[in-house]
């Protein structure tokens, strides 16, 4: 493939290469849980049969509620009190609930019976507020105050009693009462739940402690030659656990002391990551007990670096990693291609370089042709068996960094062994006074 072909195919190089920094992939979308599940009003259908016997007429009215598959309501007799309790609230009672702190949407969905139960339980709660509290252990490990009002409420609704303020917070979190029960079963009290963020509550409902892989993986940025050490930061890679902690921070350490000022070459720094513990979640997931070999840092090649130290000081989890000394001169440039396999969509293939952590800007493009007689064109769609593919990488490096002309360029795949080594394939061009390096790799034909 000639240089002119590449220039024509990608329009040579413009500001996109100079300005394009690698972006972190978008995280998994957070699933928002619905606000209180909507309850359909029970619809009563009255079937009236009039039987005239002699001079007297006896009207027998049977009422049958709407049924779901498997339910049998055929023997329920019409009850005026039940019908009254199922009526919706009028506006005056809804406004009264709103004044008491209940969310208007929640209040408008209440029936007369639910309103009466709610007011009765509040009254009973107030009557017992000055009395000694009786706590008994519930099945979920939390302590429930026992009083007649709460018991009456459970008898009517089958649900625990919550104060108006707790109901308002539950609603604001987007939780149903079934969600609250699920969190109770996981060991979180109502006070724990109303103190959570919406993200934390949602993730707790979808992330099972028994199923997680007991592995914490991080990535870092800002570790640039002659750049301020204060710019170094870290985040979770692979699975994002940031919601499970009250904060994450990172800094460089040298000889046991935090580093300030500029990052220098030739020094073996340690990267220290601190996670502020949420003790309830730590107890549930067991973060403090993860072996340090399963606490990892993504490096700029195909390997992951395990933590040198990992421990808890009571308030924080602390992980320490040894970083390779920064090099300002390169005679070998290594790249790793992920996803090069038959059937993979071109857009899902990624390329990282051994200099990615030091401010490299790169543009990559796959080209393909069906056979050796064809012309290379920009690849689209999925990787096909038997086709010839080439990978073109154009990149710039930070000021103060040098890549020797003719430097070895190596491409790795899934294993630690190179899949392609192109000695002498590097080209150096200049764009607006900035050196631009280009390497072409002819990839193995997949069958």
Protein backbone atom coordinates (compact mmCIF):
# COMPACT_ATOMS: atom_id res chain seq x y z
CA UNK A 1 0.00 0.00 0.00
CA UNK A 2 1.54 3.30 -1.08
CA UNK A 3 1.66 6.47 0.97
CA UNK A 4 -0.33 8.25 -1.76
CA UNK A 5 -3.08 5.63 -1.45
CA UNK A 6 -3.33 6.27 2.28
CA UNK A 7 -3.32 10.05 1.78
CA UNK A 8 -6.11 9.83 -0.78
CA UNK A 9 -8.18 7.42 1.28
CA UNK A 10 -8.11 9.41 4.52
CA UNK A 11 -7.61 12.90 3.12
CA UNK A 12 -4.01 12.89 4.42
CA UNK A 13 -4.16 14.38 7.92
CA UNK A 14 -5.87 17.37 9.45
CA UNK A 15 -6.71 18.84 12.78
CA UNK A 16 -8.68 15.69 13.68
CA UNK A 17 -5.40 13.84 14.34
CA UNK A 18 -3.79 16.66 16.24
CA UNK A 19 -6.80 17.29 18.44
CA UNK A 20 -8.19 13.75 18.83
CA UNK A 21 -7.47 12.37 22.27
CA UNK A 22 -8.60 8.92 23.29
CA UNK A 23 -11.94 9.08 25.00
CA UNK A 24 -13.12 6.81 27.76
CA UNK A 25 -15.98 4.57 26.56
CA UNK A 26 -19.46 5.52 27.65
CA UNK A 27 -20.51 3.67 30.78
CA UNK A 28 -23.22 1.39 31.11
CA UNK A 29 -26.58 3.14 31.11
CA UNK A 30 -28.21 3.32 34.45
CA UNK A 31 -31.59 1.66 34.54
CA UNK A 32 -34.14 3.92 36.19
CA UNK A 33 -36.68 2.12 38.27
CA UNK A 34 -40.29 3.13 37.84
CA UNK A 35 -42.07 5.32 40.40
CA UNK A 36 -44.65 3.51 42.51
CA UNK A 37 -46.18 0.76 40.34
CA UNK A 38 -49.51 1.91 39.02
CA UNK A 39 -52.48 0.16 40.55
CA UNK A 40 -55.45 -0.22 38.28
CA UNK A 41 -58.75 0.66 39.92
CA UNK A 42 -60.75 -2.46 40.46
CA UNK A 43 -63.65 -2.47 38.09
CA UNK A 44 -66.79 -3.99 39.37
CA UNK A 45 -69.25 -5.45 36.97
CA UNK A 46 -72.68 -6.03 38.43
CA UNK A 47 -74.71 -8.90 37.10
CA UNK A 48 -78.26 -8.51 38.28
CA UNK A 49 -80.89 -11.21 37.97
CA UNK A 50 -84.45 -10.46 38.99
CA UNK A 51 -86.58 -13.43 39.91
CA UNK A 52 -90.26 -12.74 40.57
CA UNK A 53 -91.75 -15.17 43.07
CA UNK A 54 -95.48 -14.65 43.69
CA UNK A 55 -96.06 -10.95 44.64
CA UNK A 56 -92.53 -10.28 46.07
CA UNK A 57 -89.40 -9.43 44.07
CA UNK A 58 -86.06 -10.41 45.52
CA UNK A 59 -82.97 -8.80 43.84
CA UNK A 60 -79.80 -10.80 44.28
CA UNK A 61 -76.71 -8.83 43.32
CA UNK A 62 -73.44 -10.51 42.73
CA UNK A 63 -70.28 -8.46 42.26
CA UNK A 64 -67.23 -9.92 40.59
CA UNK A 65 -63.95 -8.02 40.55
CA UNK A 66 -61.57 -8.08 37.59
CA UNK A 67 -59.38 -11.13 37.75
CA UNK A 68 -55.99 -12.09 36.55
CA UNK A 69 -55.25 -15.58 35.16
CA UNK A 70 -55.29 -18.08 37.99
CA UNK A 71 -57.41 -15.91 40.38
CA UNK A 72 -60.88 -17.06 41.40
CA UNK A 73 -63.20 -14.38 42.79
CA UNK A 74 -66.46 -16.13 41.92
CA UNK A 75 -67.54 -16.49 45.58
CA UNK A 76 -66.87 -12.91 46.74
CA UNK A 77 -70.13 -11.33 47.87
CA UNK A 78 -70.84 -7.65 47.22
CA UNK A 79 -69.81 -5.61 50.25
CA UNK A 80 -70.70 -1.89 50.42
CA UNK A 81 -67.85 -1.24 52.85
CA UNK A 82 -65.32 -2.80 50.49
CA UNK A 83 -66.67 -0.74 47.59
CA UNK A 84 -66.45 2.44 49.69
CA UNK A 85 -62.82 1.75 50.64
CA UNK A 86 -61.90 1.26 46.98
CA UNK A 87 -63.21 4.68 45.94
CA UNK A 88 -60.62 7.31 44.86
CA UNK A 89 -59.93 10.26 47.16
CA UNK A 90 -61.54 13.62 46.54
CA UNK A 91 -59.38 16.68 45.97
CA UNK A 92 -59.71 18.00 49.54
CA UNK A 93 -58.18 14.83 51.03
CA UNK A 94 -55.44 14.77 48.39
CA UNK A 95 -54.52 18.36 49.27
CA UNK A 96 -54.51 17.42 52.96
CA UNK A 97 -51.98 14.65 52.29
CA UNK A 98 -49.83 17.01 50.22
CA UNK A 99 -49.81 19.50 53.12
CA UNK A 100 -48.60 16.66 55.35
CA UNK A 101 -45.61 16.08 53.05
CA UNK A 102 -46.87 13.23 50.86
CA UNK A 103 -45.99 13.49 47.16
CA UNK A 104 -49.05 14.62 45.18
CA UNK A 105 -48.76 11.81 42.63
CA UNK A 106 -48.64 9.26 45.45
CA UNK A 107 -51.56 10.90 47.26
CA UNK A 108 -53.71 10.99 44.11
CA UNK A 109 -53.30 7.23 43.68
CA UNK A 110 -54.54 6.38 47.18
CA UNK A 111 -57.97 4.89 47.76
CA UNK A 112 -60.29 5.87 50.63
CA UNK A 113 -59.28 2.73 52.50
CA UNK A 114 -55.56 3.36 52.06
CA UNK A 115 -56.05 6.95 53.23
CA UNK A 116 -57.88 5.80 56.36
CA UNK A 117 -55.24 3.17 57.11
CA UNK A 118 -52.49 5.72 56.60
CA UNK A 119 -54.09 8.32 58.92
CA UNK A 120 -54.88 5.65 61.52
CA UNK A 121 -51.28 4.43 61.55
CA UNK A 122 -49.96 7.99 61.93
CA UNK A 123 -52.30 8.56 64.88
CA UNK A 124 -51.22 5.30 66.51
CA UNK A 125 -47.59 6.23 65.88
CA UNK A 126 -48.06 9.55 67.68
CA UNK A 127 -49.86 7.91 70.60
CA UNK A 128 -46.93 5.56 71.12
CA UNK A 129 -44.17 8.10 70.50
CA UNK A 130 -43.83 8.88 74.24
CA UNK A 131 -43.97 5.22 75.29
CA UNK A 132 -40.95 2.87 75.68
CA UNK A 133 -40.20 1.38 72.27
CA UNK A 134 -40.30 -2.37 71.79
CA UNK A 135 -37.83 -3.60 69.19
CA UNK A 136 -37.87 -7.09 67.79
CA UNK A 137 -35.58 -8.54 65.15
CA UNK A 138 -37.23 -8.94 61.77
CA UNK A 139 -36.42 -11.53 59.12
CA UNK A 140 -34.24 -9.06 57.21
CA UNK A 141 -31.98 -8.40 60.19
CA UNK A 142 -33.39 -4.92 60.88
CA UNK A 143 -35.27 -3.89 64.02
CA UNK A 144 -38.95 -3.00 63.64
CA UNK A 145 -40.86 -1.02 66.26
CA UNK A 146 -44.01 -2.90 67.18
CA UNK A 147 -47.17 -0.94 67.85
CA UNK A 148 -50.83 -1.50 67.21
CA UNK A 149 -50.98 1.12 64.46
CA UNK A 150 -48.23 -0.56 62.47
CA UNK A 151 -49.86 -3.95 62.95
CA UNK A 152 -53.24 -2.61 61.82
CA UNK A 153 -51.60 -1.10 58.74
CA UNK A 154 -49.95 -4.39 57.88
CA UNK A 155 -53.26 -6.17 58.27
CA UNK A 156 -54.95 -3.83 55.77
CA UNK A 157 -52.18 -3.38 53.20
CA UNK A 158 -49.70 -6.23 53.68
CA UNK A 159 -46.93 -3.59 53.75
CA UNK A 160 -44.75 -2.08 56.47
CA UNK A 161 -45.64 1.33 57.82
CA UNK A 162 -43.48 4.26 56.72
CA UNK A 163 -43.71 7.87 57.76
CA UNK A 164 -44.78 10.53 55.28
CA UNK A 165 -41.18 11.76 55.03
CA UNK A 166 -39.92 8.23 54.30
CA UNK A 167 -42.60 7.68 51.65
CA UNK A 168 -41.65 10.95 50.01
CA UNK A 169 -37.97 9.95 49.92
CA UNK A 170 -38.81 6.46 48.61
CA UNK A 171 -40.82 8.08 45.83
CA UNK A 172 -38.00 10.51 45.04
CA UNK A 173 -35.59 7.57 44.68
CA UNK A 174 -37.93 6.00 42.12
CA UNK A 175 -38.47 2.91 44.27
CA UNK A 176 -41.56 0.76 44.69
CA UNK A 177 -42.41 -0.79 48.02
CA UNK A 178 -41.35 -4.14 46.55
CA UNK A 179 -37.94 -2.58 45.83
CA UNK A 180 -37.73 -1.48 49.45
CA UNK A 181 -38.51 -5.01 50.60
CA UNK A 182 -35.77 -6.36 48.31
CA UNK A 183 -33.25 -3.96 49.83
CA UNK A 184 -34.49 -4.94 53.31
CA UNK A 185 -33.80 -8.57 52.41
CA UNK A 186 -30.24 -7.56 51.49
CA UNK A 187 -29.72 -6.17 54.99
CA UNK A 188 -30.45 -2.47 54.47
CA UNK A 189 -32.85 -0.76 56.89
CA UNK A 190 -35.33 1.90 55.86
CA UNK A 191 -32.98 4.54 57.30
CA UNK A 192 -30.15 3.15 55.13
CA UNK A 193 -32.39 3.24 52.06
CA UNK A 194 -33.72 6.79 52.42
CA UNK A 195 -30.12 7.95 52.88
CA UNK A 196 -29.02 6.48 49.52
CA UNK A 197 -28.69 8.20 46.17
CA UNK A 198 -30.94 7.07 43.32
CA UNK A 199 -27.90 5.59 41.53
CA UNK A 200 -26.80 3.60 44.57
CA UNK A 201 -30.28 2.22 45.26
CA UNK A 202 -30.75 1.30 41.59
CA UNK A 203 -27.40 -0.47 41.35
CA UNK A 204 -28.02 -2.40 44.57
CA UNK A 205 -31.22 -3.76 43.06
CA UNK A 206 -29.44 -4.96 39.90
CA UNK A 207 -26.03 -6.06 41.27
CA UNK A 208 -26.01 -9.24 43.31
CA UNK A 209 -23.16 -9.65 45.81
CA UNK A 210 -23.13 -13.40 45.23
CA UNK A 211 -22.54 -12.96 41.50
CA UNK A 212 -19.85 -10.27 41.22
CA UNK A 213 -16.37 -11.44 40.15
CA UNK A 214 -14.51 -10.09 43.22
CA UNK A 215 -12.17 -8.10 40.97
CA UNK A 216 -11.53 -4.34 41.05
CA UNK A 217 -9.88 -2.94 37.93
CA UNK A 218 -8.71 0.67 37.49
CA UNK A 219 -7.32 2.88 34.77
CA UNK A 220 -5.47 6.16 35.16
CA UNK A 221 -4.78 9.37 33.28
CA UNK A 222 -2.68 12.51 33.61
CA UNK A 223 0.62 10.65 33.97
CA UNK A 224 2.42 12.84 31.44
CA UNK A 225 6.08 13.71 31.12
CA UNK A 226 6.87 17.12 32.66
CA UNK A 227 3.20 17.64 33.59
CA UNK A 228 1.96 18.43 37.14
CA UNK A 229 1.64 15.37 39.36
CA UNK A 230 -1.55 16.93 40.73
CA UNK A 231 -3.23 16.18 37.38
CA UNK A 232 -3.06 12.41 37.89
CA UNK A 233 -6.46 10.77 38.38
CA UNK A 234 -7.93 7.28 38.41
CA UNK A 235 -11.26 5.68 37.65
CA UNK A 236 -12.79 2.23 37.47
CA UNK A 237 -12.31 0.23 34.28
CA UNK A 238 -14.44 -2.71 33.14
CA UNK A 239 -17.11 -2.62 35.90
CA UNK A 240 -17.73 0.84 37.35
CA UNK A 241 -18.00 0.53 41.16
CA UNK A 242 -17.72 4.27 41.86
CA UNK A 243 -21.36 4.32 43.04
CA UNK A 244 -20.51 1.88 45.85
CA UNK A 245 -18.01 4.25 47.48
CA UNK A 246 -18.30 7.76 48.89
CA UNK A 247 -15.39 9.00 46.76
CA UNK A 248 -12.30 8.00 44.75
CA UNK A 249 -9.00 9.88 44.59
CA UNK A 250 -5.47 9.21 43.33
CA UNK A 251 -1.97 10.65 43.66
CA UNK A 252 1.64 9.76 42.88
CA UNK A 253 3.98 8.62 45.61
CA UNK A 254 7.79 8.48 45.69
CA UNK A 255 9.68 6.92 48.60
CA UNK A 256 6.47 6.84 50.63
CA UNK A 257 5.68 10.56 50.18
CA UNK A 258 3.09 12.27 47.92
CA UNK A 259 4.60 13.88 44.83
CA UNK A 260 4.04 17.54 43.98
CA UNK A 261 5.35 19.53 41.02
CA UNK A 262 6.33 18.11 37.63
CA UNK A 263 6.61 14.44 36.69
CA UNK A 264 10.21 13.54 35.78
CA UNK A 265 11.53 10.74 33.59
CA UNK A 266 13.54 7.85 34.98
CA UNK A 267 11.67 7.74 38.32
CA UNK A 268 9.64 4.72 39.41
CA UNK A 269 6.52 6.28 40.90
CA UNK A 270 3.73 4.54 42.79
CA UNK A 271 0.14 5.34 41.97
CA UNK A 272 -2.00 5.43 45.13
CA UNK A 273 -5.78 5.04 44.80
CA UNK A 274 -8.04 5.76 47.79
CA UNK A 275 -11.68 4.65 47.98
CA UNK A 276 -13.87 6.21 50.69
CA UNK A 277 -15.73 3.35 52.32
CA UNK A 278 -19.46 3.00 52.65
CA UNK A 279 -19.38 0.44 55.46
CA UNK A 280 -22.83 -1.00 54.76
CA UNK A 281 -21.95 -1.71 51.12
CA UNK A 282 -18.49 -2.89 52.05
CA UNK A 283 -20.05 -5.46 54.38
CA UNK A 284 -22.51 -6.57 51.71
CA UNK A 285 -20.03 -6.90 48.81
CA UNK A 286 -16.83 -7.64 50.75
CA UNK A 287 -14.57 -5.08 49.03
CA UNK A 288 -12.14 -5.11 51.96
CA UNK A 289 -11.58 -8.85 51.57
CA UNK A 290 -10.68 -8.94 47.86
CA UNK A 291 -7.17 -10.48 47.39
CA UNK A 292 -4.65 -7.88 46.17
CA UNK A 293 -3.86 -10.00 43.11
CA UNK A 294 -7.45 -9.34 42.00
CA UNK A 295 -7.04 -5.58 42.39
CA UNK A 296 -5.62 -4.55 38.99
CA UNK A 297 -4.49 -1.60 36.93
CA UNK A 298 -4.97 -1.54 33.17
CA UNK A 299 -1.62 -0.86 31.49
CA UNK A 300 -0.99 0.38 27.98
CA UNK A 301 -0.30 -3.04 26.51
CA UNK A 302 -2.07 -6.37 26.70
CA UNK A 303 -1.41 -7.02 30.41
CA UNK A 304 -2.96 -5.91 33.71
CA UNK A 305 -0.79 -4.91 36.64
CA UNK A 306 -1.76 -6.33 40.08
CA UNK A 307 -1.61 -4.09 43.14
CA UNK A 308 1.60 -4.13 45.21
CA UNK A 309 -0.42 -3.21 48.29
CA UNK A 310 -4.12 -3.31 49.13
CA UNK A 311 -5.56 -2.66 52.59
CA UNK A 312 -8.16 -0.75 54.62
CA UNK A 313 -7.35 1.89 57.21
CA UNK A 314 -10.92 1.87 58.52
CA UNK A 315 -12.19 4.81 56.49
CA UNK A 316 -10.56 4.11 53.11
CA UNK A 317 -9.55 1.21 50.90
CA UNK A 318 -6.03 1.91 49.62
CA UNK A 319 -4.46 0.30 46.53
CA UNK A 320 -0.88 1.00 45.42
CA UNK A 321 0.57 0.21 41.98
CA UNK A 322 4.14 0.57 40.71
CA UNK A 323 4.26 2.55 37.45
CA UNK A 324 6.97 2.09 34.85
CA UNK A 325 9.40 5.03 34.64
CA UNK A 326 8.42 7.51 31.98
CA UNK A 327 10.64 7.37 28.89
CA UNK A 328 11.07 10.38 26.62
CA UNK A 329 12.87 8.47 23.83
CA UNK A 330 11.51 5.43 22.01
CA UNK A 331 13.25 3.09 19.62
CA UNK A 332 10.34 0.61 19.75
CA UNK A 333 6.67 1.51 19.51
CA UNK A 334 4.15 -1.15 20.51
CA UNK A 335 0.47 -1.32 19.67
CA UNK A 336 -2.25 -3.78 20.70
CA UNK A 337 -5.32 -4.51 18.54
CA UNK A 338 -8.39 -5.86 20.32
CA UNK A 339 -11.29 -7.52 18.53
CA UNK A 340 -9.63 -8.59 15.28
CA UNK A 341 -11.64 -11.73 14.57
CA UNK A 342 -14.09 -13.00 11.97
CA UNK A 343 -17.53 -11.46 12.38
CA UNK A 344 -16.38 -8.51 14.51
CA UNK A 345 -17.78 -5.14 13.45
CA UNK A 346 -15.02 -2.76 12.32
CA UNK A 347 -16.33 -0.07 14.69
CA UNK A 348 -15.81 -2.37 17.70
CA UNK A 349 -12.08 -2.89 17.07
CA UNK A 350 -9.78 -0.85 19.31
CA UNK A 351 -6.07 -0.06 19.17
CA UNK A 352 -3.96 1.09 22.13
CA UNK A 353 -0.28 2.06 22.23
CA UNK A 354 2.42 1.67 24.84
CA UNK A 355 2.51 5.48 24.97
CA UNK A 356 -1.24 6.01 25.40
CA UNK A 357 -0.82 7.14 29.01
CA UNK A 358 1.62 9.88 28.03
CA UNK A 359 -0.47 12.11 25.80
CA UNK A 360 -0.20 10.34 22.43
CA UNK A 361 -2.82 11.35 19.85
CA UNK A 362 -3.54 8.80 17.17
CA UNK A 363 -5.75 8.07 14.17
CA UNK A 364 -6.32 4.46 13.12
CA UNK A 365 -7.96 3.06 10.01
CA UNK A 366 -8.49 -0.47 8.70
CA UNK A 367 -8.24 -1.13 4.95
CA UNK A 368 -9.22 -4.30 3.15
CA UNK A 369 -9.20 -6.05 -0.22
CA UNK A 370 -10.73 -9.35 -1.27
CA UNK A 371 -7.58 -10.66 -2.95
CA UNK A 372 -4.06 -9.62 -3.90
CA UNK A 373 -5.22 -8.29 -7.28
CA UNK A 374 -7.67 -5.83 -5.77
CA UNK A 375 -7.23 -2.30 -4.45
CA UNK A 376 -7.21 -1.51 -0.76
CA UNK A 377 -10.30 0.42 0.36
CA UNK A 378 -11.48 1.62 3.76
CA UNK A 379 -12.99 -1.34 5.61
CA UNK A 380 -16.60 -1.24 6.79
CA UNK A 381 -19.04 -3.75 8.23
CA UNK A 382 -17.71 -7.00 9.69
CA UNK A 383 -14.34 -8.77 9.41
CA UNK A 384 -14.61 -11.45 6.71
CA UNK A 385 -12.77 -14.72 6.34
CA UNK A 386 -10.16 -14.84 3.58
CA UNK A 387 -9.92 -11.07 3.07
CA UNK A 388 -6.67 -9.14 3.36
CA UNK A 389 -6.64 -6.36 5.96
CA UNK A 390 -4.10 -3.68 6.75
CA UNK A 391 -4.01 -1.37 9.76
CA UNK A 392 -2.77 2.18 9.28
CA UNK A 393 -1.85 4.12 12.43
CA UNK A 394 -0.93 7.81 12.31
CA UNK A 395 0.06 9.48 15.57
CA UNK A 396 1.76 12.42 17.21
CA UNK A 397 3.61 12.42 20.53
CA UNK A 398 3.88 15.07 23.26
CA UNK A 399 6.50 17.77 23.07
CA UNK A 400 9.77 16.53 24.54
CA UNK A 401 9.15 12.95 23.37
CA UNK A 402 11.08 11.46 20.48
CA UNK A 403 10.45 8.38 18.36
CA UNK A 404 13.53 7.41 16.38
CA UNK A 405 13.25 7.23 12.61
CA UNK A 406 12.98 3.58 11.65
CA UNK A 407 11.92 2.53 15.15
CA UNK A 408 10.57 -0.98 15.40
CA UNK A 409 6.78 -1.02 15.32
CA UNK A 410 5.16 -4.07 16.92
CA UNK A 411 1.52 -5.11 16.90
CA UNK A 412 0.12 -7.42 19.57
CA UNK A 413 -3.14 -9.30 19.65
CA UNK A 414 -4.76 -11.39 22.36
CA UNK A 415 -1.51 -13.12 23.36
CA UNK A 416 1.83 -11.78 24.63
CA UNK A 417 3.52 -12.68 21.35
CA UNK A 418 3.52 -10.13 18.50
CA UNK A 419 1.22 -10.91 15.60
CA UNK A 420 3.10 -8.51 13.29
CA UNK A 421 6.50 -6.82 13.46
CA UNK A 422 7.13 -4.19 10.81
CA UNK A 423 10.76 -3.13 10.98
CA UNK A 424 11.38 -0.02 8.88
CA UNK A 425 7.71 0.54 8.04
CA UNK A 426 7.48 3.82 9.98
CA UNK A 427 7.12 7.03 8.00
CA UNK A 428 7.62 10.53 9.39
CA UNK A 429 5.79 13.50 7.90
CA UNK A 430 5.27 17.06 9.07
CA UNK A 431 1.93 18.81 9.46
CA UNK A 432 1.93 22.46 10.50
CA UNK A 433 5.40 22.00 11.95
CA UNK A 434 4.42 18.94 14.01
CA UNK A 435 6.05 15.53 13.33
CA UNK A 436 3.47 12.92 12.34
CA UNK A 437 4.41 9.25 12.49
CA UNK A 438 2.74 6.60 10.35
CA UNK A 439 2.95 2.82 10.56
CA UNK A 440 1.28 0.24 8.31
CA UNK A 441 0.65 -3.31 9.55
CA UNK A 442 -0.49 -6.04 7.14
CA UNK A 443 -2.65 -8.26 9.32
CA UNK A 444 -2.85 -12.06 9.21
CA UNK A 445 -5.58 -13.40 6.91
CA UNK A 446 -8.30 -15.03 8.98
CA UNK A 447 -9.88 -18.27 7.82
